[in-house]
Amino acid sequence: MPKVPVHGNQVTLPEDLRNVLTSAADDAIEAEEVEDGILLKRSPAARRSAGFADVRRAQSGVRYVGPTPRPPAEEEERQIADMLANDKADERRKRR
């Protein structure tokens, strides 16, 4: 675990840790006092960037396997929305 220098009320994080927690030089991180010390959380911008990267990675493996010719985008979106709604309804029924 690296030592983190403190100067007055300023804490200097190592560059590799700072890069994980932030997405820009002027970004801010969230700090919360917890029982064992201080918890540093990624900035909202860094969380969005990481989430977006996760979505892009997931999308890279997605290929169309439906009927041909492929339906228009609006029809595909309706089919997806219907599938998601059905899955959500099934989950609700299971919880009852």
N, C-alpha and C. Protein backbone atom coordinates (compact mmCIF):
# COMPACT_ATOMS: atom_id res chain seq x y z
N MET A 1 0.85 -1.17 0.00
CA MET A 1 0.00 0.00 0.00
C MET A 1 0.90 1.24 0.00
N PRO A 2 0.71 2.12 -0.98
CA PRO A 2 1.57 3.30 -1.07
C PRO A 2 1.27 4.31 0.03
N LYS A 3 2.31 5.02 0.45
CA LYS A 3 2.13 6.11 1.40
C LYS A 3 1.62 7.32 0.62
N VAL A 4 0.69 8.04 1.23
CA VAL A 4 0.08 9.21 0.59
C VAL A 4 0.48 10.44 1.38
N PRO A 5 1.22 11.37 0.75
CA PRO A 5 1.65 12.56 1.49
C PRO A 5 0.49 13.51 1.78
N VAL A 6 0.55 14.14 2.95
CA VAL A 6 -0.44 15.12 3.35
C VAL A 6 0.29 16.42 3.64
N HIS A 7 -0.16 17.51 3.00
CA HIS A 7 0.43 18.84 3.19
C HIS A 7 -0.70 19.76 3.63
N GLY A 8 -0.72 20.11 4.91
CA GLY A 8 -1.82 20.92 5.43
C GLY A 8 -3.10 20.11 5.35
N ASN A 9 -4.07 20.59 4.57
CA ASN A 9 -5.31 19.84 4.40
C ASN A 9 -5.41 19.22 3.01
N GLN A 10 -4.28 19.11 2.32
CA GLN A 10 -4.26 18.56 0.96
C GLN A 10 -3.61 17.18 0.95
N VAL A 11 -4.28 16.23 0.30
CA VAL A 11 -3.77 14.87 0.17
C VAL A 11 -3.37 14.68 -1.29
N THR A 12 -2.16 14.14 -1.51
CA THR A 12 -1.70 13.90 -2.88
C THR A 12 -1.74 12.40 -3.15
N LEU A 13 -2.60 12.01 -4.11
CA LEU A 13 -2.74 10.60 -4.45
C LEU A 13 -1.71 10.21 -5.51
N PRO A 14 -1.24 8.96 -5.47
CA PRO A 14 -0.35 8.50 -6.53
C PRO A 14 -1.08 8.56 -7.88
N GLU A 15 -0.31 8.79 -8.95
CA GLU A 15 -0.91 8.99 -10.27
C GLU A 15 -1.79 7.81 -10.71
N ASP A 16 -1.34 6.58 -10.49
CA ASP A 16 -2.15 5.45 -10.95
C ASP A 16 -3.50 5.39 -10.22
N LEU A 17 -3.52 5.71 -8.94
CA LEU A 17 -4.77 5.74 -8.19
C LEU A 17 -5.64 6.92 -8.64
N ARG A 18 -5.04 8.05 -8.86
CA ARG A 18 -5.77 9.23 -9.33
C ARG A 18 -6.41 8.96 -10.68
N ASN A 19 -5.72 8.26 -11.57
CA ASN A 19 -6.26 7.93 -12.89
C ASN A 19 -7.47 7.00 -12.80
N VAL A 20 -7.48 6.13 -11.81
CA VAL A 20 -8.62 5.22 -11.62
C VAL A 20 -9.83 5.98 -11.08
N LEU A 21 -9.58 6.95 -10.21
CA LEU A 21 -10.67 7.64 -9.53
C LEU A 21 -11.26 8.81 -10.31
N THR A 22 -10.51 9.38 -11.23
CA THR A 22 -10.97 10.57 -11.94
C THR A 22 -10.88 10.36 -13.44
N SER A 23 -11.54 11.26 -14.19
CA SER A 23 -11.50 11.17 -15.64
C SER A 23 -10.86 12.39 -16.28
N ALA A 24 -10.57 13.43 -15.49
CA ALA A 24 -9.96 14.65 -16.03
C ALA A 24 -9.14 15.31 -14.92
N ALA A 25 -8.23 16.19 -15.30
CA ALA A 25 -7.36 16.84 -14.33
C ALA A 25 -8.14 17.67 -13.32
N ASP A 26 -9.25 18.27 -13.75
CA ASP A 26 -10.02 19.13 -12.84
C ASP A 26 -11.20 18.40 -12.21
N ASP A 27 -11.22 17.07 -12.29
CA ASP A 27 -12.31 16.27 -11.75
C ASP A 27 -12.20 16.20 -10.23
N ALA A 28 -13.30 15.88 -9.57
CA ALA A 28 -13.32 15.73 -8.12
C ALA A 28 -13.73 14.31 -7.77
N ILE A 29 -13.25 13.81 -6.64
CA ILE A 29 -13.65 12.49 -6.16
C ILE A 29 -14.54 12.68 -4.94
N GLU A 30 -15.24 11.63 -4.58
CA GLU A 30 -16.08 11.67 -3.39
C GLU A 30 -15.33 11.00 -2.25
N ALA A 31 -15.38 11.60 -1.07
CA ALA A 31 -14.72 11.05 0.11
C ALA A 31 -15.76 10.89 1.21
N GLU A 32 -15.70 9.75 1.88
CA GLU A 32 -16.66 9.47 2.95
C GLU A 32 -15.92 8.86 4.13
N GLU A 33 -16.21 9.36 5.32
CA GLU A 33 -15.61 8.78 6.51
C GLU A 33 -16.34 7.49 6.85
N VAL A 34 -15.58 6.42 7.01
CA VAL A 34 -16.13 5.13 7.39
C VAL A 34 -15.44 4.66 8.66
N GLU A 35 -15.90 3.56 9.21
CA GLU A 35 -15.38 3.09 10.49
C GLU A 35 -13.86 2.89 10.49
N ASP A 36 -13.33 2.34 9.39
CA ASP A 36 -11.90 2.03 9.34
C ASP A 36 -11.04 3.12 8.71
N GLY A 37 -11.63 4.25 8.36
CA GLY A 37 -10.83 5.32 7.75
C GLY A 37 -11.66 6.17 6.81
N ILE A 38 -11.12 6.40 5.64
CA ILE A 38 -11.79 7.23 4.63
C ILE A 38 -11.95 6.42 3.36
N LEU A 39 -13.15 6.45 2.81
CA LEU A 39 -13.45 5.75 1.57
C LEU A 39 -13.46 6.77 0.44
N LEU A 40 -12.62 6.57 -0.56
CA LEU A 40 -12.59 7.44 -1.74
C LEU A 40 -13.37 6.76 -2.85
N LYS A 41 -14.30 7.49 -3.44
CA LYS A 41 -15.13 6.94 -4.50
C LYS A 41 -14.83 7.65 -5.81
N ARG A 42 -14.97 6.90 -6.89
CA ARG A 42 -14.79 7.50 -8.21
C ARG A 42 -15.71 8.70 -8.38
N SER A 43 -15.26 9.65 -9.16
CA SER A 43 -16.11 10.80 -9.47
C SER A 43 -17.27 10.33 -10.33
N PRO A 44 -18.38 11.07 -10.32
CA PRO A 44 -19.50 10.70 -11.20
C PRO A 44 -19.06 10.61 -12.66
N ALA A 45 -18.20 11.53 -13.10
CA ALA A 45 -17.74 11.49 -14.49
C ALA A 45 -16.92 10.23 -14.76
N ALA A 46 -16.08 9.84 -13.81
CA ALA A 46 -15.27 8.62 -13.99
C ALA A 46 -16.16 7.39 -13.99
N ARG A 47 -17.21 7.39 -13.13
CA ARG A 47 -18.14 6.25 -13.13
C ARG A 47 -18.87 6.15 -14.46
N ARG A 48 -19.29 7.32 -15.00
CA ARG A 48 -19.97 7.30 -16.31
C ARG A 48 -19.03 6.79 -17.39
N SER A 49 -17.78 7.26 -17.37
CA SER A 49 -16.81 6.82 -18.37
C SER A 49 -16.58 5.31 -18.29
N ALA A 50 -16.42 4.81 -17.06
CA ALA A 50 -16.21 3.37 -16.88
C ALA A 50 -17.45 2.59 -17.31
N GLY A 51 -18.62 3.09 -16.97
CA GLY A 51 -19.86 2.43 -17.38
C GLY A 51 -20.02 2.40 -18.88
N PHE A 52 -19.70 3.53 -19.51
CA PHE A 52 -19.79 3.61 -20.97
C PHE A 52 -18.81 2.63 -21.62
N ALA A 53 -17.61 2.53 -21.06
CA ALA A 53 -16.62 1.58 -21.60
C ALA A 53 -17.14 0.15 -21.45
N ASP A 54 -17.79 -0.16 -20.32
CA ASP A 54 -18.38 -1.49 -20.12
C ASP A 54 -19.45 -1.78 -21.17
N VAL A 55 -20.29 -0.78 -21.44
CA VAL A 55 -21.35 -0.94 -22.45
C VAL A 55 -20.74 -1.18 -23.82
N ARG A 56 -19.73 -0.41 -24.17
CA ARG A 56 -19.07 -0.58 -25.48
C ARG A 56 -18.44 -1.97 -25.60
N ARG A 57 -17.81 -2.45 -24.52
CA ARG A 57 -17.23 -3.80 -24.56
C ARG A 57 -18.33 -4.84 -24.77
N ALA A 58 -19.45 -4.68 -24.08
CA ALA A 58 -20.56 -5.62 -24.24
C ALA A 58 -21.12 -5.55 -25.65
N GLN A 59 -21.25 -4.35 -26.19
CA GLN A 59 -21.79 -4.19 -27.54
C GLN A 59 -20.89 -4.81 -28.59
N SER A 60 -19.60 -4.82 -28.34
CA SER A 60 -18.67 -5.32 -29.36
C SER A 60 -18.89 -6.80 -29.66
N GLY A 61 -19.48 -7.54 -28.72
CA GLY A 61 -19.72 -8.96 -28.93
C GLY A 61 -21.13 -9.28 -29.41
N VAL A 62 -21.94 -8.26 -29.64
CA VAL A 62 -23.32 -8.48 -30.03
C VAL A 62 -23.43 -8.53 -31.55
N ARG A 63 -24.09 -9.56 -32.04
CA ARG A 63 -24.29 -9.70 -33.49
C ARG A 63 -25.76 -10.01 -33.74
N TYR A 64 -26.30 -9.54 -34.81
CA TYR A 64 -27.69 -9.80 -35.16
C TYR A 64 -27.83 -11.24 -35.62
N VAL A 65 -28.81 -11.96 -35.05
CA VAL A 65 -29.05 -13.36 -35.42
C VAL A 65 -30.53 -13.61 -35.70
N GLY A 66 -31.30 -12.55 -35.90
CA GLY A 66 -32.73 -12.69 -36.12
C GLY A 66 -33.07 -13.02 -37.56
N PRO A 67 -34.36 -12.89 -37.88
CA PRO A 67 -34.82 -13.22 -39.23
C PRO A 67 -34.25 -12.27 -40.28
N THR A 68 -34.17 -12.79 -41.49
CA THR A 68 -33.75 -11.95 -42.61
C THR A 68 -34.92 -11.80 -43.56
N PRO A 69 -35.13 -10.69 -44.16
CA PRO A 69 -34.33 -9.47 -43.99
C PRO A 69 -34.55 -8.88 -42.60
N ARG A 70 -33.54 -8.16 -42.16
CA ARG A 70 -33.58 -7.55 -40.84
C ARG A 70 -34.70 -6.51 -40.77
N PRO A 71 -35.48 -6.52 -39.67
CA PRO A 71 -36.57 -5.54 -39.56
C PRO A 71 -36.02 -4.13 -39.34
N PRO A 72 -36.85 -3.12 -39.57
CA PRO A 72 -36.40 -1.74 -39.33
C PRO A 72 -36.03 -1.53 -37.85
N ALA A 73 -35.22 -0.53 -37.58
CA ALA A 73 -34.74 -0.26 -36.23
C ALA A 73 -35.89 -0.07 -35.25
N GLU A 74 -36.94 0.61 -35.68
CA GLU A 74 -38.08 0.85 -34.78
C GLU A 74 -38.72 -0.47 -34.35
N GLU A 75 -38.82 -1.41 -35.26
CA GLU A 75 -39.40 -2.72 -34.95
C GLU A 75 -38.49 -3.49 -33.98
N GLU A 76 -37.18 -3.46 -34.23
CA GLU A 76 -36.24 -4.12 -33.32
C GLU A 76 -36.34 -3.53 -31.92
N GLU A 77 -36.41 -2.19 -31.85
CA GLU A 77 -36.51 -1.53 -30.55
C GLU A 77 -37.80 -1.94 -29.83
N ARG A 78 -38.91 -2.06 -30.57
CA ARG A 78 -40.16 -2.48 -29.97
C ARG A 78 -40.05 -3.91 -29.45
N GLN A 79 -39.41 -4.79 -30.23
CA GLN A 79 -39.23 -6.18 -29.80
C GLN A 79 -38.38 -6.25 -28.53
N ILE A 80 -37.31 -5.45 -28.50
CA ILE A 80 -36.44 -5.43 -27.32
C ILE A 80 -37.21 -4.92 -26.11
N ALA A 81 -37.96 -3.83 -26.29
CA ALA A 81 -38.76 -3.27 -25.19
C ALA A 81 -39.77 -4.30 -24.68
N ASP A 82 -40.39 -5.03 -25.59
CA ASP A 82 -41.34 -6.06 -25.19
C ASP A 82 -40.66 -7.16 -24.39
N MET A 83 -39.48 -7.60 -24.84
CA MET A 83 -38.74 -8.65 -24.13
C MET A 83 -38.36 -8.18 -22.72
N LEU A 84 -37.87 -6.94 -22.62
CA LEU A 84 -37.49 -6.42 -21.31
C LEU A 84 -38.70 -6.30 -20.39
N ALA A 85 -39.82 -5.84 -20.92
CA ALA A 85 -41.05 -5.73 -20.12
C ALA A 85 -41.51 -7.09 -19.64
N ASN A 86 -41.44 -8.08 -20.50
CA ASN A 86 -41.83 -9.45 -20.12
C ASN A 86 -40.90 -10.00 -19.04
N ASP A 87 -39.58 -9.77 -19.20
CA ASP A 87 -38.63 -10.22 -18.18
C ASP A 87 -38.91 -9.56 -16.84
N LYS A 88 -39.19 -8.25 -16.86
CA LYS A 88 -39.49 -7.53 -15.63
C LYS A 88 -40.76 -8.07 -14.97
N ALA A 89 -41.78 -8.33 -15.78
CA ALA A 89 -43.03 -8.89 -15.25
C ALA A 89 -42.80 -10.28 -14.64
N ASP A 90 -41.98 -11.10 -15.30
CA ASP A 90 -41.66 -12.43 -14.76
C ASP A 90 -40.97 -12.31 -13.40
N GLU A 91 -40.04 -11.38 -13.27
CA GLU A 91 -39.33 -11.17 -12.01
C GLU A 91 -40.29 -10.75 -10.90
N ARG A 92 -41.22 -9.86 -11.24
CA ARG A 92 -42.21 -9.43 -10.25
C ARG A 92 -43.07 -10.61 -9.79
N ARG A 93 -43.50 -11.44 -10.75
CA ARG A 93 -44.32 -12.61 -10.40
C ARG A 93 -43.55 -13.57 -9.49
N LYS A 94 -42.25 -13.74 -9.73
CA LYS A 94 -41.43 -14.65 -8.92
C LYS A 94 -41.32 -14.15 -7.47
N ARG A 95 -41.30 -12.83 -7.28
CA ARG A 95 -41.15 -12.27 -5.95
C ARG A 95 -42.42 -12.38 -5.10
N ARG A 96 -43.53 -12.61 -5.73
CA ARG A 96 -44.82 -12.66 -4.99
C ARG A 96 -45.03 -13.98 -4.34
